[in-house]
Amino acid sequence: MPKSFSVKGSDIDYGTGRRYLREHTNRLKKKDDRRILQLEADLSRINLSAVTSIEELDEWETNQFEHANEIRQFYHSSHMARKTRQYELKRNKFVDRLCSGERKSCFGEEADQRQKRLLMFVGDRGLGIGSRVKGFQKYGGRWKPQKNSLYSSVLITNEHNTSQTCLYCFRKIFHPLLITEKEGERKVKRRNGVFQCINKECPSVKTARNTNSRDTLSSLAIGLAGLSRLLLGTTFPTFNPRRNVNDVENFKKHAGNFLNKKSA
């Protein structure tokens, strides 16, 4: 398996300067503008879904707009505007470096980038738009494919079953379980960062290489699914969300025709 280029949300949070801006804003609130903290806490406790009458709705609207100017003056002051501008400049610089590092990892360390044309496949379900994961920073979106598209070809492909399929036997894979015993108590914990194939006929099982990283396996599967769609006009039956009984034979036919044309 090739090595994957992985970036955590915490890395983007620190590299773009978003964490510094958030902590600096909180320090200003605690030091000089404790009233802003109190107002935001009061507004966060008001729940619009609990409103059941017109009077409660009017009260909710009054609470929302009564101190709006005071909060707006804090966030749109000259000092906060300067800090926000610094964050935007640092973010743009970090995004350029991040995408450049991703493209270099695709080429490899010893490859001559000037003689090769990079083709990147992006899954259509992993952009992180609108996702809500409690306790984690989410910085996904269209910004990374759009930035990479300025220097390479980027294609959006369907990632159906790409994170649930073994690439050696195309059977379903599972998260391994870690069983520990401590003081007579048995605990079972699932390893979500790793996938494991349990098919006895799989070549990876026979060679004791059936455990792979989740990110590495999924990224390679997305690339194979997109490349087969580009070259053959169809994808592997396992990655086809509208699979039927004839898909296996059609895929074999298209793959055979492609190999014959290439050899000719």
Protein backbone atom coordinates (compact mmCIF):
# COMPACT_ATOMS: atom_id res chain seq x y z
CA MET A 1 0.00 0.00 0.00
CA PRO A 2 1.33 3.49 -0.84
CA LYS A 3 1.70 6.01 1.94
CA SER A 4 -1.15 8.49 2.29
CA PHE A 5 -0.90 12.22 2.86
CA SER A 6 -3.17 12.87 5.85
CA VAL A 7 -4.02 16.17 7.51
CA LYS A 8 -5.93 16.56 10.76
CA GLY A 9 -8.38 19.30 11.57
CA SER A 10 -6.18 20.37 14.48
CA ASP A 11 -3.27 20.93 12.06
CA ILE A 12 -5.38 23.23 9.90
CA ASP A 13 -6.75 24.95 13.00
CA TYR A 14 -3.20 25.76 14.15
CA GLY A 15 -1.59 26.39 10.76
CA THR A 16 -4.21 28.85 9.50
CA GLY A 17 -4.09 30.85 12.74
CA ARG A 18 -7.71 30.14 13.55
CA ARG A 19 -6.84 28.84 17.01
CA TYR A 20 -4.80 31.94 17.83
CA LEU A 21 -7.64 34.22 16.70
CA ARG A 22 -10.15 32.27 18.80
CA GLU A 23 -7.96 32.31 21.92
CA HIS A 24 -7.11 36.00 21.45
CA THR A 25 -10.81 36.86 21.18
CA ASN A 26 -11.58 34.93 24.36
CA ARG A 27 -8.78 36.70 26.22
CA LEU A 28 -10.16 40.08 25.18
CA LYS A 29 -13.61 39.12 26.40
CA LYS A 30 -12.32 37.94 29.78
CA LYS A 31 -10.01 40.91 30.26
CA ASP A 32 -11.95 43.94 29.00
CA ASP A 33 -15.42 42.91 27.82
CA ARG A 34 -16.88 40.48 30.30
CA ARG A 35 -20.29 41.88 29.45
CA ILE A 36 -19.96 40.37 25.95
CA LEU A 37 -19.44 36.95 27.53
CA GLN A 38 -22.55 37.38 29.65
CA LEU A 39 -24.65 38.55 26.70
CA GLU A 40 -23.55 35.65 24.51
CA ALA A 41 -24.25 33.19 27.34
CA ASP A 42 -27.75 34.61 27.81
CA LEU A 43 -28.50 34.46 24.09
CA SER A 44 -27.26 30.87 23.80
CA ARG A 45 -29.72 29.73 26.47
CA ILE A 46 -32.70 31.01 24.47
CA ASN A 47 -34.11 28.21 22.32
CA LEU A 48 -36.32 29.17 19.38
CA SER A 49 -37.73 25.64 19.07
CA ALA A 50 -39.28 25.99 22.55
CA VAL A 51 -41.34 29.03 21.52
CA THR A 52 -45.06 28.18 21.56
CA SER A 53 -46.86 31.55 21.38
CA ILE A 54 -46.64 34.97 19.75
CA GLU A 55 -45.71 36.61 23.05
CA GLU A 56 -42.74 34.27 23.52
CA LEU A 57 -41.68 34.91 19.93
CA ASP A 58 -41.75 38.68 20.51
CA GLU A 59 -39.72 38.22 23.68
CA TRP A 60 -37.19 36.08 21.82
CA GLU A 61 -36.85 38.70 19.07
CA THR A 62 -36.40 41.47 21.65
CA ASN A 63 -33.63 39.54 23.41
CA GLN A 64 -31.92 38.85 20.10
CA PHE A 65 -31.82 42.45 18.86
CA GLU A 66 -31.64 44.37 22.12
CA HIS A 67 -27.87 44.03 22.49
CA ALA A 68 -27.01 43.37 18.84
CA ASN A 69 -25.23 46.71 18.38
CA GLU A 70 -23.11 46.20 21.48
CA ILE A 71 -21.93 42.79 20.31
CA ARG A 72 -21.41 44.06 16.76
CA GLN A 73 -19.20 46.90 17.97
CA PHE A 74 -16.91 44.42 19.70
CA TYR A 75 -16.50 42.06 16.73
CA HIS A 76 -16.22 44.87 14.16
CA SER A 77 -13.83 47.10 16.07
CA SER A 78 -10.61 48.26 14.39
CA HIS A 79 -8.52 45.89 16.54
CA MET A 80 -10.63 42.81 15.68
CA ALA A 81 -10.72 43.81 12.00
CA ARG A 82 -6.90 43.92 11.96
CA LYS A 83 -6.63 40.52 13.63
CA THR A 84 -9.16 39.03 11.22
CA ARG A 85 -7.22 40.36 8.25
CA GLN A 86 -4.02 38.82 9.60
CA TYR A 87 -5.84 35.50 9.95
CA GLU A 88 -7.06 35.66 6.33
CA LEU A 89 -3.56 36.32 4.98
CA LYS A 90 -2.05 33.52 7.08
CA ARG A 91 -4.82 31.14 6.03
CA ASN A 92 -4.24 31.77 2.32
CA LYS A 93 -0.52 31.15 2.73
CA PHE A 94 -1.08 27.94 4.71
CA VAL A 95 -3.61 26.61 2.17
CA ASP A 96 -1.10 27.11 -0.66
CA ARG A 97 1.60 25.23 1.26
CA LEU A 98 -0.79 22.44 2.22
CA CYS A 99 -1.99 21.81 -1.34
CA SER A 100 1.57 22.03 -2.65
CA GLY A 101 2.68 19.38 -0.15
CA GLU A 102 -0.22 17.14 -1.18
CA ARG A 103 0.73 17.35 -4.87
CA LYS A 104 4.39 16.63 -4.07
CA SER A 105 3.39 13.55 -2.09
CA CYS A 106 1.44 12.28 -5.11
CA PHE A 107 4.47 12.68 -7.40
CA GLY A 108 6.93 11.14 -4.96
CA GLU A 109 10.22 12.44 -3.68
CA GLU A 110 12.41 11.40 -6.63
CA ALA A 111 9.94 12.00 -9.47
CA ASP A 112 10.46 14.80 -12.01
CA GLN A 113 7.30 16.87 -11.70
CA ARG A 114 8.00 18.78 -14.93
CA GLN A 115 7.67 15.63 -17.08
CA LYS A 116 4.49 14.32 -15.47
CA ARG A 117 0.87 15.46 -15.46
CA LEU A 118 -0.90 14.95 -12.16
CA LEU A 119 -4.44 13.57 -12.11
CA MET A 120 -6.25 13.71 -8.74
CA PHE A 121 -9.49 11.93 -7.86
CA VAL A 122 -11.63 13.35 -5.04
CA GLY A 123 -14.47 11.45 -3.39
CA ASP A 124 -17.87 13.12 -3.51
CA ARG A 125 -18.76 12.29 0.11
CA GLY A 126 -15.65 13.34 2.00
CA LEU A 127 -15.58 17.13 1.71
CA GLY A 128 -16.90 17.61 5.26
CA ILE A 129 -19.50 20.20 4.26
CA GLY A 130 -22.26 20.53 6.84
CA SER A 131 -21.00 17.58 8.90
CA ARG A 132 -21.29 17.87 12.68
CA VAL A 133 -18.91 15.81 14.75
CA LYS A 134 -18.95 16.75 18.42
CA GLY A 135 -15.55 17.54 19.83
CA PHE A 136 -13.73 17.82 16.49
CA GLN A 137 -12.86 20.81 14.32
CA LYS A 138 -14.19 20.50 10.76
CA TYR A 139 -12.31 22.35 8.05
CA GLY A 140 -13.39 20.38 5.01
CA GLY A 141 -14.91 21.92 1.92
CA ARG A 142 -14.35 22.64 -1.73
CA TRP A 143 -11.33 24.87 -1.11
CA LYS A 144 -8.72 22.09 -1.43
CA PRO A 145 -9.95 20.60 -4.76
CA GLN A 146 -10.37 24.09 -6.18
CA LYS A 147 -6.83 25.08 -5.17
CA ASN A 148 -5.35 21.86 -6.61
CA SER A 149 -7.30 22.29 -9.84
CA LEU A 150 -5.15 25.36 -10.64
CA TYR A 151 -2.07 23.16 -11.06
CA SER A 152 -3.46 19.69 -11.88
CA SER A 153 -6.53 17.89 -13.18
CA VAL A 154 -9.06 17.15 -10.43
CA LEU A 155 -12.01 14.79 -10.97
CA ILE A 156 -14.88 14.16 -8.55
CA THR A 157 -15.73 10.47 -8.35
CA ASN A 158 -18.28 8.35 -6.53
CA GLU A 159 -16.76 6.75 -3.42
CA HIS A 160 -19.46 4.13 -2.87
CA ASN A 161 -18.05 1.23 -0.78
CA THR A 162 -14.48 2.52 -1.16
CA SER A 163 -13.96 2.46 2.62
CA GLN A 164 -15.55 -0.98 3.07
CA THR A 165 -13.84 -3.10 0.39
CA CYS A 166 -10.62 -5.08 0.41
CA LEU A 167 -8.55 -4.20 -2.70
CA TYR A 168 -7.08 -7.71 -2.95
CA CYS A 169 -10.27 -9.80 -3.00
CA PHE A 170 -13.01 -7.10 -3.17
CA ARG A 171 -14.80 -8.54 -0.14
CA LYS A 172 -16.14 -6.55 2.79
CA ILE A 173 -13.63 -5.55 5.47
CA PHE A 174 -14.11 -4.86 9.16
CA HIS A 175 -12.62 -2.91 12.04
CA PRO A 176 -10.50 -5.22 14.24
CA LEU A 177 -11.34 -5.61 17.91
CA LEU A 178 -8.84 -5.15 20.71
CA ILE A 179 -9.61 -7.33 23.74
CA THR A 180 -7.87 -6.48 27.01
CA GLU A 181 -8.19 -7.87 30.51
CA LYS A 182 -7.39 -5.79 33.57
CA GLU A 183 -8.11 -6.78 37.17
CA GLY A 184 -10.40 -9.57 35.99
CA GLU A 185 -12.47 -7.21 33.83
CA ARG A 186 -12.61 -7.85 30.09
CA LYS A 187 -12.87 -4.87 27.73
CA VAL A 188 -13.51 -4.91 23.99
CA LYS A 189 -12.51 -1.84 21.97
CA ARG A 190 -12.92 -1.33 18.23
CA ARG A 191 -9.93 0.09 16.30
CA ASN A 192 -11.58 2.61 13.99
CA GLY A 193 -8.34 3.70 12.30
CA VAL A 194 -7.60 0.26 10.85
CA PHE A 195 -9.37 -2.11 8.45
CA GLN A 196 -8.90 -5.87 8.37
CA CYS A 197 -9.91 -8.50 5.81
CA ILE A 198 -11.07 -11.87 7.17
CA ASN A 199 -11.55 -13.73 3.87
CA LYS A 200 -9.42 -16.88 4.08
CA GLU A 201 -8.94 -16.98 0.30
CA CYS A 202 -7.68 -13.38 0.13
CA PRO A 203 -4.00 -13.03 -0.90
CA SER A 204 -3.44 -10.47 1.86
CA VAL A 205 -4.64 -12.97 4.50
CA LYS A 206 -2.39 -15.71 3.15
CA THR A 207 0.64 -13.42 3.29
CA ALA A 208 -0.31 -11.95 6.71
CA ARG A 209 -0.82 -8.45 5.26
CA ASN A 210 -4.56 -8.17 5.77
CA THR A 211 -4.47 -5.18 8.18
CA ASN A 212 -4.16 -1.73 6.61
CA SER A 213 -4.64 1.88 7.53
CA ARG A 214 -8.13 3.27 6.98
CA ASP A 215 -6.94 6.41 5.17
CA THR A 216 -4.46 4.57 2.94
CA LEU A 217 -6.97 1.93 1.88
CA SER A 218 -9.81 4.39 1.25
CA SER A 219 -7.71 6.86 -0.75
CA LEU A 220 -6.32 4.11 -3.00
CA ALA A 221 -9.83 2.69 -3.55
CA ILE A 222 -11.15 6.13 -4.55
CA GLY A 223 -8.29 6.46 -7.04
CA LEU A 224 -8.98 3.01 -8.55
CA ALA A 225 -12.72 3.67 -8.83
CA GLY A 226 -12.18 7.00 -10.57
CA LEU A 227 -9.42 5.70 -12.86
CA SER A 228 -11.51 2.73 -14.04
CA ARG A 229 -14.43 5.07 -14.74
CA LEU A 230 -12.13 7.35 -16.76
CA LEU A 231 -10.37 4.62 -18.78
CA LEU A 232 -13.11 2.01 -19.19
CA GLY A 233 -16.30 4.06 -18.97
CA THR A 234 -17.39 1.88 -16.04
CA THR A 235 -16.13 1.10 -12.56
CA PHE A 236 -15.55 -2.02 -10.51
CA PRO A 237 -18.87 -3.75 -9.69
CA THR A 238 -18.10 -3.43 -5.98
CA PHE A 239 -17.89 0.37 -6.26
CA ASN A 240 -21.00 0.70 -8.42
CA PRO A 241 -24.00 1.99 -6.39
CA ARG A 242 -26.42 0.74 -9.09
CA ARG A 243 -24.96 -2.70 -9.51
CA ASN A 244 -26.90 -5.49 -11.26
CA VAL A 245 -26.18 -9.07 -12.31
CA ASN A 246 -24.63 -8.08 -15.65
CA ASP A 247 -22.12 -5.59 -14.24
CA VAL A 248 -19.40 -8.19 -13.65
CA GLU A 249 -19.45 -9.42 -17.24
CA ASN A 250 -19.63 -5.88 -18.62
CA PHE A 251 -16.64 -4.84 -16.54
CA LYS A 252 -14.62 -7.85 -17.73
CA LYS A 253 -15.55 -7.06 -21.33
CA HIS A 254 -14.52 -3.39 -21.09
CA ALA A 255 -11.30 -4.25 -19.26
CA GLY A 256 -10.40 -6.89 -21.87
CA ASN A 257 -11.05 -4.48 -24.74
CA PHE A 258 -8.89 -1.84 -23.08
CA LEU A 259 -5.98 -4.27 -22.60
CA ASN A 260 -6.24 -5.46 -26.21
CA LYS A 261 -6.18 -1.89 -27.53
CA LYS A 262 -3.20 -1.00 -25.36
CA SER A 263 -1.22 -4.07 -26.44
CA ALA A 264 -2.06 -3.44 -30.12
